PDB file of N, CA and C in Angstrom:
ATOM      1  N   LEU A   1      96.883  96.055  92.909  1.00  0.00           N
ATOM      2  CA  LEU A   1      97.324  96.819  93.518  1.00  0.00           C
ATOM      3  C   LEU A   1      96.472  97.347  94.863  1.00  0.00           C
ATOM      4  N   LEU A   2      95.047  97.563  94.160  1.00  0.00           N
ATOM      5  CA  LEU A   2      93.924  98.177  95.566  1.00  0.00           C
ATOM      6  C   LEU A   2      93.946  97.322  96.766  1.00  0.00           C
ATOM      7  N   ASP A   3      94.234  95.885  95.905  1.00  0.00           N
ATOM      8  CA  ASP A   3      93.879  94.364  97.035  1.00  0.00           C
ATOM      9  C   ASP A   3      95.418  94.604  97.942  1.00  0.00           C
ATOM     10  N   SER A   4      96.232  94.537  97.440  1.00  0.00           N
ATOM     11  CA  SER A   4      97.352  94.797  98.220  1.00  0.00           C
ATOM     12  C   SER A   4      97.490  95.919  99.192  1.00  0.00           C
ATOM     13  N   LYS A   5      97.086  96.726  98.748  1.00  0.00           N
ATOM     14  CA  LYS A   5      96.902  97.933  99.537  1.00  0.00           C
ATOM     15  C   LYS A   5      96.350  97.781 100.810  1.00  0.00           C
ATOM     16  N   ILE A   6      95.248  97.836 100.463  1.00  0.00           N
ATOM     17  CA  ILE A   6      93.963  96.907 101.755  1.00  0.00           C
ATOM     18  C   ILE A   6      94.845  96.029 102.495  1.00  0.00           C
ATOM     19  N   HIS A   7      95.150  94.818 102.216  1.00  0.00           N
ATOM     20  CA  HIS A   7      95.763  93.992 103.077  1.00  0.00           C
ATOM     21  C   HIS A   7      96.890  94.406 104.060  1.00  0.00           C
ATOM     22  N   ASN A   8      97.607  94.952 102.916  1.00  0.00           N
ATOM     23  CA  ASN A   8      98.951  95.639 103.780  1.00  0.00           C
ATOM     24  C   ASN A   8      98.518  96.877 105.162  1.00  0.00           C
ATOM     25  N   GLU A   9      97.869  97.552 104.541  1.00  0.00           N
ATOM     26  CA  GLU A   9      97.476  98.634 105.401  1.00  0.00           C
ATOM     27  C   GLU A   9      96.423  98.148 106.704  1.00  0.00           C
ATOM     28  N   LEU A  10      95.692  96.947 106.841  1.00  0.00           N
ATOM     29  CA  LEU A  10      94.899  97.157 107.472  1.00  0.00           C
ATOM     30  C   LEU A  10      95.579  95.754 108.455  1.00  0.00           C
ATOM     31  N   SER A  11      96.607  95.417 108.039  1.00  0.00           N
ATOM     32  CA  SER A  11      96.891  94.272 108.846  1.00  0.00           C
ATOM     33  C   SER A  11      97.762  94.723 110.102  1.00  0.00           C
ATOM     34  N   GLY A  12      97.923  94.036 111.306  1.00  0.00           N
ATOM     35  CA  GLY A  12      97.942  94.226 112.548  1.00  0.00           C
ATOM     36  C   GLY A  12      97.413  95.483 113.361  1.00  0.00           C
ATOM     37  N   CYS A  13      96.042  95.799 112.497  1.00  0.00           N
ATOM     38  CA  CYS A  13      95.249  96.523 113.167  1.00  0.00           C
ATOM     39  C   CYS A  13      94.024  95.435 113.605  1.00  0.00           C
ATOM     40  N   ASN A  14      92.902  95.917 114.725  1.00  0.00           N
ATOM     41  CA  ASN A  14      92.151  95.219 115.240  1.00  0.00           C
ATOM     42  C   ASN A  14      91.104  94.640 113.927  1.00  0.00           C
ATOM     43  N   HIS A  15      90.710  93.862 113.878  1.00  0.00           N
ATOM     44  CA  HIS A  15      89.843  93.373 113.257  1.00  0.00           C
ATOM     45  C   HIS A  15      88.004  93.188 113.303  1.00  0.00           C
ATOM     46  N   ASP A  16      87.790  93.806 114.634  1.00  0.00           N
ATOM     47  CA  ASP A  16      86.379  94.061 114.290  1.00  0.00           C
ATOM     48  C   ASP A  16      86.013  95.473 114.286  1.00  0.00           C
ATOM     49  N   PHE A  17      84.978  95.506 113.792  1.00  0.00           N
ATOM     50  CA  PHE A  17      84.200  96.744 113.410  1.00  0.00           C
ATOM     51  C   PHE A  17      82.593  96.373 113.494  1.00  0.00           C
ATOM     52  N   ILE A  18      81.878  97.471 113.537  1.00  0.00           N
ATOM     53  CA  ILE A  18      79.934  97.719 113.576  1.00  0.00           C
ATOM     54  C   ILE A  18      79.859  98.263 112.592  1.00  0.00           C
ATOM     55  N   ALA A  19      78.996  97.912 111.834  1.00  0.00           N
ATOM     56  CA  ALA A  19      78.362  98.489 110.632  1.00  0.00           C
ATOM     57  C   ALA A  19      76.396  98.618 110.462  1.00  0.00           C
ATOM     58  N   PHE A  20      75.819  99.535 110.504  1.00  0.00           N
ATOM     59  CA  PHE A  20      74.355  99.368 111.196  1.00  0.00           C
ATOM     60  C   PHE A  20      73.576  97.985 110.009  1.00  0.00           C
ATOM     61  N   HIS A  21      74.030  98.001 108.368  1.00  0.00           N
ATOM     62  CA  HIS A  21      73.928  96.077 108.414  1.00  0.00           C
ATOM     63  C   HIS A  21      74.837  95.525 107.853  1.00  0.00           C
ATOM     64  N   ARG A  22      74.620  93.946 106.791  1.00  0.00           N
ATOM     65  CA  ARG A  22      75.769  93.460 106.186  1.00  0.00           C
ATOM     66  C   ARG A  22      75.938  93.596 104.906  1.00  0.00           C
ATOM     67  N   ALA A  23      76.145  95.019 105.093  1.00  0.00           N
ATOM     68  CA  ALA A  23      76.775  95.478 103.414  1.00  0.00           C
ATOM     69  C   ALA A  23      77.780  95.230 103.210  1.00  0.00           C
ATOM     70  N   PHE A  24      79.060  94.757 103.878  1.00  0.00           N
ATOM     71  CA  PHE A  24      80.088  94.381 103.867  1.00  0.00           C
ATOM     72  C   PHE A  24      81.174  93.321 104.533  1.00  0.00           C
ATOM     73  N   SER A  25      80.008  92.031 104.289  1.00  0.00           N
ATOM     74  CA  SER A  25      80.443  90.898 104.611  1.00  0.00           C
ATOM     75  C   SER A  25      81.699  90.022 103.609  1.00  0.00           C
ATOM     76  N   TYR A  26      80.882  90.401 102.692  1.00  0.00           N
ATOM     77  CA  TYR A  26      81.875  90.273 101.462  1.00  0.00           C
ATOM     78  C   TYR A  26      83.578  90.508 101.584  1.00  0.00           C
ATOM     79  N   PHE A  27      83.573  92.201 101.436  1.00  0.00           N
ATOM     80  CA  PHE A  27      84.507  92.967 102.532  1.00  0.00           C
ATOM     81  C   PHE A  27      85.531  92.553 103.286  1.00  0.00           C
ATOM     82  N   ALA A  28      85.080  91.955 104.322  1.00  0.00           N
ATOM     83  CA  ALA A  28      85.051  91.734 105.663  1.00  0.00           C
ATOM     84  C   ALA A  28      85.898  90.251 105.566  1.00  0.00           C
ATOM     85  N   ASP A  29      84.914  89.229 105.031  1.00  0.00           N
ATOM     86  CA  ASP A  29      85.637  88.530 104.899  1.00  0.00           C
ATOM     87  C   ASP A  29      87.289  88.049 103.691  1.00  0.00           C
ATOM     88  N   GLU A  30      86.885  89.149 102.688  1.00  0.00           N
ATOM     89  CA  GLU A  30      88.313  89.172 101.789  1.00  0.00           C
ATOM     90  C   GLU A  30      89.900  89.601 102.800  1.00  0.00           C
ATOM     91  N   TYR A  31      89.124  90.708 103.772  1.00  0.00           N
ATOM     92  CA  TYR A  31      90.150  91.193 104.473  1.00  0.00           C
ATOM     93  C   TYR A  31      90.444  91.108 105.807  1.00  0.00           C
ATOM     94  N   ASP A  32      89.600  89.595 105.912  1.00  0.00           N
ATOM     95  CA  ASP A  32      90.039  88.956 107.259  1.00  0.00           C
ATOM     96  C   ASP A  32      89.294  89.809 108.749  1.00  0.00           C
ATOM     97  N   LEU A  33      88.363  90.327 108.286  1.00  0.00           N
ATOM     98  CA  LEU A  33      87.923  91.096 109.340  1.00  0.00           C
ATOM     99  C   LEU A  33      86.509  91.027 110.138  1.00  0.00           C
ATOM    100  N   THR A  34      85.708  91.195 111.143  1.00  0.00           N
ATOM    101  CA  THR A  34      84.630  90.630 111.599  1.00  0.00           C
ATOM    102  C   THR A  34      83.653  91.420 111.808  1.00  0.00           C
ATOM    103  N   GLN A  35      82.583  91.986 110.841  1.00  0.00           N
ATOM    104  CA  GLN A  35      81.645  92.716 111.032  1.00  0.00           C
ATOM    105  C   GLN A  35      80.859  92.328 111.871  1.00  0.00           C
ATOM    106  N   HIS A  36      80.747  93.157 112.670  1.00  0.00           N
ATOM    107  CA  HIS A  36      79.033  92.901 113.774  1.00  0.00           C
ATOM    108  C   HIS A  36      78.314  94.166 112.897  1.00  0.00           C
ATOM    109  N   THR A  37      77.013  93.478 113.144  1.00  0.00           N
ATOM    110  CA  THR A  37      75.918  94.322 112.903  1.00  0.00           C
ATOM    111  C   THR A  37      75.001  95.460 113.705  1.00  0.00           C
ATOM    112  N   ILE A  38      74.009  96.154 113.432  1.00  0.00           N
ATOM    113  CA  ILE A  38      73.268  97.048 114.529  1.00  0.00           C
ATOM    114  C   ILE A  38      72.052  95.592 114.104  1.00  0.00           C
ATOM    115  N   ILE A  39      71.535  95.728 112.686  1.00  0.00           N
ATOM    116  CA  ILE A  39      70.515  94.972 112.534  1.00  0.00           C
ATOM    117  C   ILE A  39      71.228  93.604 111.563  1.00  0.00           C
ATOM    118  N   SER A  40      70.104  92.471 111.691  1.00  0.00           N
ATOM    119  CA  SER A  40      71.099  91.294 110.751  1.00  0.00           C
ATOM    120  C   SER A  40      69.803  91.370 109.929  1.00  0.00           C
ATOM    121  N   SER A  41      69.222  92.441 109.530  1.00  0.00           N
ATOM    122  CA  SER A  41      68.752  91.952 107.841  1.00  0.00           C
ATOM    123  C   SER A  41      69.693  93.428 106.969  1.00  0.00           C
ATOM    124  N   SER A  42      69.184  93.074 105.455  1.00  0.00           N
ATOM    125  CA  SER A  42      70.620  94.055 105.069  1.00  0.00           C
ATOM    126  C   SER A  42      69.680  95.170 104.190  1.00  0.00           C
ATOM    127  N   ALA A  43      68.435  94.997 105.396  1.00  0.00           N
ATOM    128  CA  ALA A  43      67.439  96.089 104.736  1.00  0.00           C
ATOM    129  C   ALA A  43      67.942  97.463 105.881  1.00  0.00           C
ATOM    130  N   SER A  44      68.340  98.855 104.988  1.00  0.00           N
ATOM    131  CA  SER A  44      68.562  99.516 106.066  1.00  0.00           C
ATOM    132  C   SER A  44      67.815 100.845 106.995  1.00  0.00           C
ATOM    133  N   HIS A  45      66.001 100.226 106.143  1.00  0.00           N
ATOM    134  CA  HIS A  45      65.269 100.897 106.937  1.00  0.00           C
ATOM    135  C   HIS A  45      64.305 100.442 108.075  1.00  0.00           C
ATOM    136  N   VAL A  46      65.270  99.206 108.192  1.00  0.00           N
ATOM    137  CA  VAL A  46      64.566  98.333 110.157  1.00  0.00           C
ATOM    138  C   VAL A  46      64.758  99.147 111.063  1.00  0.00           C
ATOM    139  N   GLU A  47      64.242  98.644 112.066  1.00  0.00           N
ATOM    140  CA  GLU A  47      64.961 100.028 112.951  1.00  0.00           C
ATOM    141  C   GLU A  47      64.875  98.668 114.145  1.00  0.00           C
ATOM    142  N   PRO A  48      66.097  98.951 114.693  1.00  0.00           N
ATOM    143  CA  PRO A  48      66.528  98.156 115.729  1.00  0.00           C
ATOM    144  C   PRO A  48      66.053  98.155 117.053  1.00  0.00           C
ATOM    145  N   THR A  49      65.717  97.325 117.430  1.00  0.00           N
ATOM    146  CA  THR A  49      64.629  97.003 119.595  1.00  0.00           C
ATOM    147  C   THR A  49      65.888  97.446 120.382  1.00  0.00           C
ATOM    148  N   ALA A  50      65.235  97.737 121.332  1.00  0.00           N
ATOM    149  CA  ALA A  50      65.408  98.376 122.685  1.00  0.00           C
ATOM    150  C   ALA A  50      66.767  96.909 122.827  1.00  0.00           C
ATOM    151  N   MET A  51      67.026  95.777 122.729  1.00  0.00           N
ATOM    152  CA  MET A  51      67.413  95.021 123.313  1.00  0.00           C
ATOM    153  C   MET A  51      68.482  94.747 122.011  1.00  0.00           C
ATOM    154  N   THR A  52      68.297  94.868 121.234  1.00  0.00           N
ATOM    155  CA  THR A  52      69.629  94.717 119.919  1.00  0.00           C
ATOM    156  C   THR A  52      70.573  96.210 120.612  1.00  0.00           C
ATOM    157  N   LEU A  53      70.075  97.295 120.515  1.00  0.00           N
ATOM    158  CA  LEU A  53      70.742  98.456 120.577  1.00  0.00           C
ATOM    159  C   LEU A  53      71.820  97.880 121.915  1.00  0.00           C
ATOM    160  N   GLU A  54      71.045  97.701 123.204  1.00  0.00           N
ATOM    161  CA  GLU A  54      71.641  97.223 123.989  1.00  0.00           C
ATOM    162  C   GLU A  54      72.577  95.923 123.756  1.00  0.00           C
ATOM    163  N   ASN A  55      72.859  95.405 123.658  1.00  0.00           N
ATOM    164  CA  ASN A  55      73.226  94.088 122.973  1.00  0.00           C
ATOM    165  C   ASN A  55      74.639  94.913 121.708  1.00  0.00           C
ATOM    166  N   VAL A  56      74.499  95.803 121.021  1.00  0.00           N
ATOM    167  CA  VAL A  56      75.700  96.405 120.365  1.00  0.00           C
ATOM    168  C   VAL A  56      76.497  97.053 120.843  1.00  0.00           C
ATOM    169  N   ILE A  57      75.652  98.098 121.854  1.00  0.00           N
ATOM    170  CA  ILE A  57      76.380  98.830 122.846  1.00  0.00           C
ATOM    171  C   ILE A  57      77.395  97.701 123.843  1.00  0.00           C
ATOM    172  N   ASN A  58      76.812  97.042 124.389  1.00  0.00           N
ATOM    173  CA  ASN A  58      77.929  95.599 125.116  1.00  0.00           C
ATOM    174  C   ASN A  58      78.868  95.317 124.384  1.00  0.00           C
ATOM    175  N   LYS A  59      78.630  95.135 123.018  1.00  0.00           N
ATOM    176  CA  LYS A  59      79.792  94.379 121.969  1.00  0.00           C
ATOM    177  C   LYS A  59      80.741  95.677 122.016  1.00  0.00           C
ATOM    178  N   ALA A  60      80.512  96.327 121.316  1.00  0.00           N
ATOM    179  CA  ALA A  60      81.719  97.807 121.144  1.00  0.00           C
ATOM    180  C   ALA A  60      82.399  97.438 122.376  1.00  0.00           C
ATOM    181  N   LYS A  61      81.217  97.494 123.540  1.00  0.00           N
ATOM    182  CA  LYS A  61      82.074  98.312 124.744  1.00  0.00           C
ATOM    183  C   LYS A  61      83.553  96.848 124.895  1.00  0.00           C
ATOM    184  N   GLN A  62      82.524  95.389 124.845  1.00  0.00           N
ATOM    185  CA  GLN A  62      83.927  94.600 125.964  1.00  0.00           C
ATOM    186  C   GLN A  62      84.601  94.359 124.293  1.00  0.00           C
ATOM    187  N   LEU A  63      84.462  94.989 122.728  1.00  0.00           N
ATOM    188  CA  LEU A  63      85.808  95.174 122.115  1.00  0.00           C
ATOM    189  C   LEU A  63      86.563  96.247 121.842  1.00  0.00           C
ATOM    190  N   ASP A  64      86.198  97.251 123.242  1.00  0.00           N
ATOM    191  CA  ASP A  64      86.439  98.549 122.837  1.00  0.00           C
ATOM    192  C   ASP A  64      86.696  99.162 121.125  1.00  0.00           C
ATOM    193  N   LEU A  65      85.945  99.270 120.658  1.00  0.00           N
ATOM    194  CA  LEU A  65      85.315  99.477 119.472  1.00  0.00           C
ATOM    195  C   LEU A  65      84.539 101.143 120.080  1.00  0.00           C
ATOM    196  N   LYS A  66      85.678 102.691 119.159  1.00  0.00           N
ATOM    197  CA  LYS A  66      84.657 103.410 119.623  1.00  0.00           C
ATOM    198  C   LYS A  66      84.468 104.255 117.903  1.00  0.00           C
ATOM    199  N   VAL A  67      84.084 103.482 117.041  1.00  0.00           N
ATOM    200  CA  VAL A  67      83.534 103.713 115.897  1.00  0.00           C
ATOM    201  C   VAL A  67      83.096 103.356 115.411  1.00  0.00           C
ATOM    202  N   ILE A  68      81.618 103.264 114.918  1.00  0.00           N
ATOM    203  CA  ILE A  68      80.095 102.914 114.295  1.00  0.00           C
ATOM    204  C   ILE A  68      79.718 103.177 112.849  1.00  0.00           C
ATOM    205  N   PHE A  69      79.718 102.490 111.980  1.00  0.00           N
ATOM    206  CA  PHE A  69      80.192 102.739 110.596  1.00  0.00           C
ATOM    207  C   PHE A  69      78.511 102.729 110.322  1.00  0.00           C
ATOM    208  N   THR A  70      78.098 103.877 108.986  1.00  0.00           N
ATOM    209  CA  THR A  70      77.386 103.877 108.982  1.00  0.00           C
ATOM    210  C   THR A  70      76.733 104.806 107.281  1.00  0.00           C
ATOM    211  N   GLU A  71      75.847 104.763 106.240  1.00  0.00           N
ATOM    212  CA  GLU A  71      75.984 104.538 104.658  1.00  0.00           C
ATOM    213  C   GLU A  71      75.700 106.300 104.454  1.00  0.00           C
ATOM    214  N   GLU A  72      76.418 106.860 103.724  1.00  0.00           N
ATOM    215  CA  GLU A  72      76.218 108.164 103.032  1.00  0.00           C
ATOM    216  C   GLU A  72      74.297 108.083 102.955  1.00  0.00           C
ATOM    217  N   MET A  73      73.742 107.111 102.227  1.00  0.00           N
ATOM    218  CA  MET A  73      72.089 107.182 102.359  1.00  0.00           C
ATOM    219  C   MET A  73      71.144 106.696 103.156  1.00  0.00           C
ATOM    220  N   ALA A  74      72.091 106.112 104.459  1.00  0.00           N
ATOM    221  CA  ALA A  74      71.196 106.016 105.606  1.00  0.00           C
ATOM    222  C   ALA A  74      70.706 106.955 106.692  1.00  0.00           C
ATOM    223  N   ASP A  75      69.974 106.951 107.716  1.00  0.00           N
ATOM    224  CA  ASP A  75      69.986 108.078 108.991  1.00  0.00           C
ATOM    225  C   ASP A  75      71.065 107.597 110.136  1.00  0.00           C
ATOM    226  N   PRO A  76      71.436 108.658 109.904  1.00  0.00           N
ATOM    227  CA  PRO A  76      72.614 107.980 111.443  1.00  0.00           C
ATOM    228  C   PRO A  76      71.722 107.892 112.421  1.00  0.00           C
ATOM    229  N   LYS A  77      71.094 108.188 112.459  1.00  0.00           N
ATOM    230  CA  LYS A  77      70.127 108.639 114.159  1.00  0.00           C
ATOM    231  C   LYS A  77      70.661 107.182 115.160  1.00  0.00           C
ATOM    232  N   THR A  78      70.369 106.062 114.796  1.00  0.00           N
ATOM    233  CA  THR A  78      70.727 104.947 115.120  1.00  0.00           C
ATOM    234  C   THR A  78      72.068 104.524 115.558  1.00  0.00           C
ATOM    235  N   SER A  79      73.086 104.881 114.350  1.00  0.00           N
ATOM    236  CA  SER A  79      73.825 104.463 114.852  1.00  0.00           C
ATOM    237  C   SER A  79      74.701 105.871 115.382  1.00  0.00           C
ATOM    238  N   GLN A  80      74.630 106.903 115.585  1.00  0.00           N
ATOM    239  CA  GLN A  80      75.159 108.278 116.839  1.00  0.00           C
ATOM    240  C   GLN A  80      74.217 108.270 117.966  1.00  0.00           C
ATOM    241  N   VAL A  81      73.090 107.384 118.137  1.00  0.00           N
ATOM    242  CA  VAL A  81      72.533 107.025 119.477  1.00  0.00           C
ATOM    243  C   VAL A  81      73.764 105.772 119.842  1.00  0.00           C
ATOM    244  N   ILE A  82      74.432 104.863 119.510  1.00  0.00           N
ATOM    245  CA  ILE A  82      75.186 103.584 120.406  1.00  0.00           C
ATOM    246  C   ILE A  82      76.849 104.395 120.177  1.00  0.00           C
ATOM    247  N   ALA A  83      77.313 105.179 119.666  1.00  0.00           N
ATOM    248  CA  ALA A  83      78.540 105.932 119.130  1.00  0.00           C
ATOM    249  C   ALA A  83      78.758 106.952 120.610  1.00  0.00           C
ATOM    250  N   ASN A  84      77.374 107.596 121.094  1.00  0.00           N
ATOM    251  CA  ASN A  84      77.224 108.554 121.918  1.00  0.00           C
ATOM    252  C   ASN A  84      76.924 107.027 123.221  1.00  0.00           C
ATOM    253  N   GLU A  85      77.047 106.103 123.493  1.00  0.00           N
ATOM    254  CA  GLU A  85      77.043 105.528 124.137  1.00  0.00           C
ATOM    255  C   GLU A  85      78.391 105.019 124.834  1.00  0.00           C
ATOM    256  N   ILE A  86      79.142 104.689 123.576  1.00  0.00           N
ATOM    257  CA  ILE A  86      80.286 104.165 123.797  1.00  0.00           C
ATOM    258  C   ILE A  86      81.327 105.168 123.887  1.00  0.00           C
ATOM    259  N   GLY A  87      80.601 106.305 124.051  1.00  0.00           N
ATOM    260  CA  GLY A  87      82.211 107.325 124.091  1.00  0.00           C
ATOM    261  C   GLY A  87      82.988 107.427 122.249  1.00  0.00           C
ATOM    262  N   GLY A  88      82.229 106.989 121.443  1.00  0.00           N
ATOM    263  CA  GLY A  88      82.870 107.168 120.098  1.00  0.00           C
ATOM    264  C   GLY A  88      82.268 108.496 119.047  1.00  0.00           C
ATOM    265  N   LYS A  89      82.464 107.537 118.283  1.00  0.00           N
ATOM    266  CA  LYS A  89      81.838 108.738 116.831  1.00  0.00           C
ATOM    267  C   LYS A  89      81.092 107.633 115.519  1.00  0.00           C
ATOM    268  N   ILE A  90      80.616 108.021 114.535  1.00  0.00           N
ATOM    269  CA  ILE A  90      80.232 107.656 113.503  1.00  0.00           C
ATOM    270  C   ILE A  90      81.294 108.234 112.543  1.00  0.00           C
ATOM    271  N   LEU A  91      81.162 107.183 111.260  1.00  0.00           N
ATOM    272  CA  LEU A  91      82.212 107.585 110.091  1.00  0.00           C
ATOM    273  C   LEU A  91      81.439 106.862 108.890  1.00  0.00           C
ATOM    274  N   ILE A  92      81.508 106.891 107.553  1.00  0.00           N
ATOM    275  CA  ILE A  92      80.766 106.222 106.592  1.00  0.00           C
ATOM    276  C   ILE A  92      81.609 105.450 106.370  1.00  0.00           C
ATOM    277  N   LEU A  93      81.490 103.976 105.554  1.00  0.00           N
ATOM    278  CA  LEU A  93      81.798 103.173 105.207  1.00  0.00           C
ATOM    279  C   LEU A  93      81.254 102.966 104.210  1.00  0.00           C
ATOM    280  N   SER A  94      81.457 102.937 102.617  1.00  0.00           N
ATOM    281  CA  SER A  94      80.279 103.237 101.562  1.00  0.00           C
ATOM    282  C   SER A  94      80.193 102.138 100.881  1.00  0.00           C
ATOM    283  N   PRO A  95      78.934 101.532 100.065  1.00  0.00           N
ATOM    284  CA  PRO A  95      79.014 100.035  99.578  1.00  0.00           C
ATOM    285  C   PRO A  95      78.695 100.676  98.194  1.00  0.00           C
ATOM    286  N   LEU A  96      78.391 101.881  97.932  1.00  0.00           N
ATOM    287  CA  LEU A  96      78.477 102.557  97.037  1.00  0.00           C
ATOM    288  C   LEU A  96      79.940 101.994  95.751  1.00  0.00           C
ATOM    289  N   GLU A  97      80.168 101.833  94.406  1.00  0.00           N
ATOM    290  CA  GLU A  97      80.814 102.306  93.980  1.00  0.00           C
ATOM    291  C   GLU A  97      81.378 102.786  93.220  1.00  0.00           C
ATOM    292  N   ILE A  98      81.479 104.085  93.362  1.00  0.00           N
ATOM    293  CA  ILE A  98      81.983 105.292  92.714  1.00  0.00           C
ATOM    294  C   ILE A  98      82.266 106.311  93.900  1.00  0.00           C
ATOM    295  N   GLY A  99      82.640 106.991  93.825  1.00  0.00           N
ATOM    296  CA  GLY A  99      83.199 108.029  94.725  1.00  0.00           C
ATOM    297  C   GLY A  99      83.395 109.267  93.749  1.00  0.00           C
ATOM    298  N   ASP A 100      83.533 110.363  94.400  1.00  0.00           N
ATOM    299  CA  ASP A 100      83.284 111.481  93.965  1.00  0.00           C
ATOM    300  C   ASP A 100      83.608 112.001  92.738  1.00  0.00           C
ATOM    301  N   ASP A 101      85.459 111.887  92.661  1.00  0.00           N
ATOM    302  CA  ASP A 101      85.872 112.144  91.236  1.00  0.00           C
ATOM    303  C   ASP A 101      85.071 110.750  90.100  1.00  0.00           C
ATOM    304  N   GLY A 102      83.974 110.000  90.769  1.00  0.00           N
ATOM    305  CA  GLY A 102      83.787 108.591  89.709  1.00  0.00           C
ATOM    306  C   GLY A 102      84.221 108.025  89.386  1.00  0.00           C
ATOM    307  N   THR A 103      85.224 107.139  90.301  1.00  0.00           N
ATOM    308  CA  THR A 103      85.886 106.096  90.279  1.00  0.00           C
ATOM    309  C   THR A 103      86.108 105.950  91.082  1.00  0.00           C
ATOM    310  N   TYR A 104      86.179 104.147  91.131  1.00  0.00           N
ATOM    311  CA  TYR A 104      86.076 103.080  92.186  1.00  0.00           C
ATOM    312  C   TYR A 104      87.071 103.001  93.157  1.00  0.00           C
ATOM    313  N   ILE A 105      88.438 103.000  92.308  1.00  0.00           N
ATOM    314  CA  ILE A 105      89.444 102.958  93.248  1.00  0.00           C
ATOM    315  C   ILE A 105      89.133 103.988  94.580  1.00  0.00           C
ATOM    316  N   SER A 106      88.764 105.486  94.110  1.00  0.00           N
ATOM    317  CA  SER A 106      88.470 106.513  95.379  1.00  0.00           C
ATOM    318  C   SER A 106      86.900 106.278  96.364  1.00  0.00           C
ATOM    319  N   LYS A 107      86.964 105.502  95.487  1.00  0.00           N
ATOM    320  CA  LYS A 107      85.951 105.449  97.179  1.00  0.00           C
ATOM    321  C   LYS A 107      86.572 104.356  97.585  1.00  0.00           C
ATOM    322  N   MET A 108      87.154 103.334  97.437  1.00  0.00           N
ATOM    323  CA  MET A 108      87.757 102.417  98.033  1.00  0.00           C
ATOM    324  C   MET A 108      88.720 102.716  99.061  1.00  0.00           C
ATOM    325  N   THR A 109      89.270 104.258  98.578  1.00  0.00           N
ATOM    326  CA  THR A 109      90.719 104.202  99.371  1.00  0.00           C
ATOM    327  C   THR A 109      89.767 105.111 100.605  1.00  0.00           C
ATOM    328  N   GLU A 110      88.631 106.002 100.405  1.00  0.00           N
ATOM    329  CA  GLU A 110      87.925 106.631 101.579  1.00  0.00           C
ATOM    330  C   GLU A 110      87.720 106.045 102.141  1.00  0.00           C
ATOM    331  N   ASN A 111      87.123 104.693 101.767  1.00  0.00           N
ATOM    332  CA  ASN A 111      86.686 103.185 103.097  1.00  0.00           C
ATOM    333  C   ASN A 111      87.829 103.035 103.422  1.00  0.00           C
ATOM    334  N   LEU A 112      88.916 103.207 102.721  1.00  0.00           N
ATOM    335  CA  LEU A 112      90.400 102.503 103.636  1.00  0.00           C
ATOM    336  C   LEU A 112      90.810 103.087 104.478  1.00  0.00           C
ATOM    337  N   ASN A 113      90.480 104.347 104.059  1.00  0.00           N
ATOM    338  CA  ASN A 113      91.176 105.019 105.249  1.00  0.00           C
ATOM    339  C   ASN A 113      90.074 105.909 106.350  1.00  0.00           C
ATOM    340  N   HIS A 114      89.260 105.230 106.263  1.00  0.00           N
ATOM    341  CA  HIS A 114      87.848 105.478 107.687  1.00  0.00           C
ATOM    342  C   HIS A 114      87.873 103.850 108.173  1.00  0.00           C
ATOM    343  N   LEU A 115      88.055 102.501 107.605  1.00  0.00           N
ATOM    344  CA  LEU A 115      88.584 101.825 108.486  1.00  0.00           C
ATOM    345  C   LEU A 115      89.934 101.923 109.109  1.00  0.00           C
ATOM    346  N   LYS A 116      90.754 102.407 108.816  1.00  0.00           N
ATOM    347  CA  LYS A 116      92.839 102.856 108.945  1.00  0.00           C
ATOM    348  C   LYS A 116      92.022 103.149 110.382  1.00  0.00           C
ATOM    349  N   GLU A 117      91.450 104.567 110.101  1.00  0.00           N
ATOM    350  CA  GLU A 117      90.861 105.276 111.784  1.00  0.00           C
ATOM    351  C   GLU A 117      90.407 104.648 112.680  1.00  0.00           C
ATOM    352  N   ALA A 118      89.470 103.425 112.649  1.00  0.00           N
ATOM    353  CA  ALA A 118      88.789 102.963 113.322  1.00  0.00           C
ATOM    354  C   ALA A 118      89.483 101.878 113.586  1.00  0.00           C
ATOM    355  N   LEU A 119      90.448 101.109 112.795  1.00  0.00           N
ATOM    356  CA  LEU A 119      90.923 100.129 113.634  1.00  0.00           C
ATOM    357  C   LEU A 119      92.593  99.846 113.861  1.00  0.00           C
ATOM    358  N   CYS A 120      93.099 101.067 113.669  1.00  0.00           N
ATOM    359  CA  CYS A 120      94.397 101.213 113.534  1.00  0.00           C
ATOM    360  C   CYS A 120      94.935 101.938 114.815  1.00  0.00           C
TER     361      CYS A 120
END
């Protein structure tokens, strides 16, 4: 049911998104999305170089992306810098498996809503 909902609600939307690191590779593959990352490592504590930031900003502008995804536990500073440069905003895309009400479904529904806001 959740899988079908995600497929249906993201079909016809933009497929490109930018996240801080590769936490969503499997999700992106499953739902025919293309994840672009700020850092190539899966470590959220790594700081990107100035060249990397410039490349991400250029990629976001090229793809006309207006949302940069970050995570609950990550420092949003770098994502906010990029969002400011593209005239966009940051949203949370969570790799956590449990939502505020303690369920996986609620967390994935929250992620889906943020993806729809960014991509549709």
